[in-house]
Amino acid sequence: MNYDYELSMEYRERFGLTKGELDYMKLAFDYYAQAMKKEIIAMEKDGKRSIFAPDFFQMMLDDLHNKCGMWTRPVQVFEEEDDE
């Protein structure tokens, strides 16, 4: 397998994430992080201890979202032609 191809611009143009896909992932990440934060806080109120801090999942998923952003398709800009 050619690993150089997987890191190439052509590969990202063909298989990269679109901006819309990235936005949906961010919504899902935020929903999950908020749900886990509420669950951890509820556990702590019941006297149970979590191995994760309440903000752990938000930080982890923000980092994952940033990494996914590196694999988005490059935005294609089409310049207008001058009528000269």
C-alpha atoms as a PDB file:
ATOM      1  CA  MET A   1       0.000   0.000   0.000  1.00  0.00           C
ATOM      2  CA  ASN A   2       1.293   3.421  -0.909  1.00  0.00           C
ATOM      3  CA  TYR A   3       1.103   5.533   2.255  1.00  0.00           C
ATOM      4  CA  ASP A   4       2.294   8.640   0.448  1.00  0.00           C
ATOM      5  CA  TYR A   5      -0.914   8.585  -1.615  1.00  0.00           C
ATOM      6  CA  GLU A   6      -3.066   8.526   1.539  1.00  0.00           C
ATOM      7  CA  LEU A   7      -1.434  11.772   2.641  1.00  0.00           C
ATOM      8  CA  SER A   8      -1.721  13.450  -0.745  1.00  0.00           C
ATOM      9  CA  MET A   9      -4.041  16.284  -1.746  1.00  0.00           C
ATOM     10  CA  GLU A  10      -5.657  14.040  -4.388  1.00  0.00           C
ATOM     11  CA  TYR A  11      -6.618  11.519  -1.722  1.00  0.00           C
ATOM     12  CA  ARG A  12      -8.200  14.245   0.441  1.00  0.00           C
ATOM     13  CA  GLU A  13     -10.081  15.634  -2.549  1.00  0.00           C
ATOM     14  CA  ARG A  14     -11.544  12.199  -3.274  1.00  0.00           C
ATOM     15  CA  PHE A  15     -12.165  10.823   0.219  1.00  0.00           C
ATOM     16  CA  GLY A  16     -11.992  13.814   2.585  1.00  0.00           C
ATOM     17  CA  LEU A  17     -14.875  14.990   4.722  1.00  0.00           C
ATOM     18  CA  THR A  18     -17.123  17.757   3.510  1.00  0.00           C
ATOM     19  CA  LYS A  19     -17.878  20.812   5.630  1.00  0.00           C
ATOM     20  CA  GLY A  20     -21.425  19.528   6.179  1.00  0.00           C
ATOM     21  CA  GLU A  21     -20.205  16.151   7.415  1.00  0.00           C
ATOM     22  CA  LEU A  22     -17.793  17.897   9.756  1.00  0.00           C
ATOM     23  CA  ASP A  23     -20.605  20.095  11.124  1.00  0.00           C
ATOM     24  CA  TYR A  24     -22.795  17.045  11.836  1.00  0.00           C
ATOM     25  CA  MET A  25     -19.890  15.359  13.597  1.00  0.00           C
ATOM     26  CA  LYS A  26     -19.382  18.458  15.754  1.00  0.00           C
ATOM     27  CA  LEU A  27     -23.077  18.440  16.730  1.00  0.00           C
ATOM     28  CA  ALA A  28     -22.869  14.775  17.681  1.00  0.00           C
ATOM     29  CA  PHE A  29     -19.628  15.299  19.615  1.00  0.00           C
ATOM     30  CA  ASP A  30     -21.120  18.215  21.557  1.00  0.00           C
ATOM     31  CA  TYR A  31     -24.298  16.267  22.360  1.00  0.00           C
ATOM     32  CA  TYR A  32     -22.319  13.279  23.609  1.00  0.00           C
ATOM     33  CA  ALA A  33     -19.932  15.424  25.658  1.00  0.00           C
ATOM     34  CA  GLN A  34     -22.822  17.258  27.354  1.00  0.00           C
ATOM     35  CA  ALA A  35     -24.596  13.965  28.100  1.00  0.00           C
ATOM     36  CA  MET A  36     -21.448  12.486  29.645  1.00  0.00           C
ATOM     37  CA  LYS A  37     -20.812  15.626  31.686  1.00  0.00           C
ATOM     38  CA  LYS A  38     -24.335  15.464  33.139  1.00  0.00           C
ATOM     39  CA  GLU A  39     -23.925  11.757  33.892  1.00  0.00           C
ATOM     40  CA  ILE A  40     -20.582  12.270  35.661  1.00  0.00           C
ATOM     41  CA  ILE A  41     -21.957  15.162  37.739  1.00  0.00           C
ATOM     42  CA  ALA A  42     -24.991  13.047  38.696  1.00  0.00           C
ATOM     43  CA  MET A  43     -22.703  10.167  39.724  1.00  0.00           C
ATOM     44  CA  GLU A  44     -20.620  12.500  41.876  1.00  0.00           C
ATOM     45  CA  LYS A  45     -23.765  13.805  43.600  1.00  0.00           C
ATOM     46  CA  ASP A  46     -24.692  10.193  44.427  1.00  0.00           C
ATOM     47  CA  GLY A  47     -21.309   9.758  46.084  1.00  0.00           C
ATOM     48  CA  LYS A  48     -19.745   7.695  43.291  1.00  0.00           C
ATOM     49  CA  ARG A  49     -16.359   8.578  41.844  1.00  0.00           C
ATOM     50  CA  SER A  50     -15.595   8.774  38.173  1.00  0.00           C
ATOM     51  CA  ILE A  51     -12.157   8.251  36.719  1.00  0.00           C
ATOM     52  CA  PHE A  52     -12.956  11.083  34.268  1.00  0.00           C
ATOM     53  CA  ALA A  53     -13.367  14.763  35.074  1.00  0.00           C
ATOM     54  CA  PRO A  54     -16.679  16.283  33.905  1.00  0.00           C
ATOM     55  CA  ASP A  55     -14.960  18.210  31.086  1.00  0.00           C
ATOM     56  CA  PHE A  56     -12.769  15.326  29.895  1.00  0.00           C
ATOM     57  CA  PHE A  57     -15.032  14.223  27.060  1.00  0.00           C
ATOM     58  CA  GLN A  58     -15.514  17.772  25.752  1.00  0.00           C
ATOM     59  CA  MET A  59     -11.752  18.296  25.559  1.00  0.00           C
ATOM     60  CA  MET A  60     -11.181  14.895  23.934  1.00  0.00           C
ATOM     61  CA  LEU A  61     -13.916  15.416  21.353  1.00  0.00           C
ATOM     62  CA  ASP A  62     -12.785  18.971  20.581  1.00  0.00           C
ATOM     63  CA  ASP A  63      -9.332  17.575  19.844  1.00  0.00           C
ATOM     64  CA  LEU A  64     -10.856  14.873  17.642  1.00  0.00           C
ATOM     65  CA  HIS A  65     -12.921  17.493  15.798  1.00  0.00           C
ATOM     66  CA  ASN A  66      -9.794  19.549  15.133  1.00  0.00           C
ATOM     67  CA  LYS A  67      -8.021  16.486  13.763  1.00  0.00           C
ATOM     68  CA  CYS A  68     -11.002  15.691  11.537  1.00  0.00           C
ATOM     69  CA  GLY A  69     -10.817  19.239  10.240  1.00  0.00           C
ATOM     70  CA  MET A  70      -7.427  18.411   8.778  1.00  0.00           C
ATOM     71  CA  TRP A  71      -9.089  15.796   6.576  1.00  0.00           C
ATOM     72  CA  THR A  72     -11.749  18.000   5.076  1.00  0.00           C
ATOM     73  CA  ARG A  73     -11.815  18.474   1.363  1.00  0.00           C
ATOM     74  CA  PRO A  74     -10.086  21.645   0.289  1.00  0.00           C
ATOM     75  CA  VAL A  75     -12.513  24.401  -0.596  1.00  0.00           C
ATOM     76  CA  GLN A  76     -12.620  24.897  -4.334  1.00  0.00           C
ATOM     77  CA  VAL A  77     -12.671  28.513  -5.374  1.00  0.00           C
ATOM     78  CA  PHE A  78     -13.736  29.404  -8.876  1.00  0.00           C
ATOM     79  CA  GLU A  79     -12.619  32.858  -9.863  1.00  0.00           C
ATOM     80  CA  GLU A  80     -14.797  34.879 -12.184  1.00  0.00           C
ATOM     81  CA  GLU A  81     -13.361  35.635 -15.577  1.00  0.00           C
ATOM     82  CA  ASP A  82     -13.077  39.254 -16.613  1.00  0.00           C
ATOM     83  CA  ASP A  83     -14.953  40.233 -19.761  1.00  0.00           C
ATOM     84  CA  GLU A  84     -12.224  42.294 -21.386  1.00  0.00           C
END
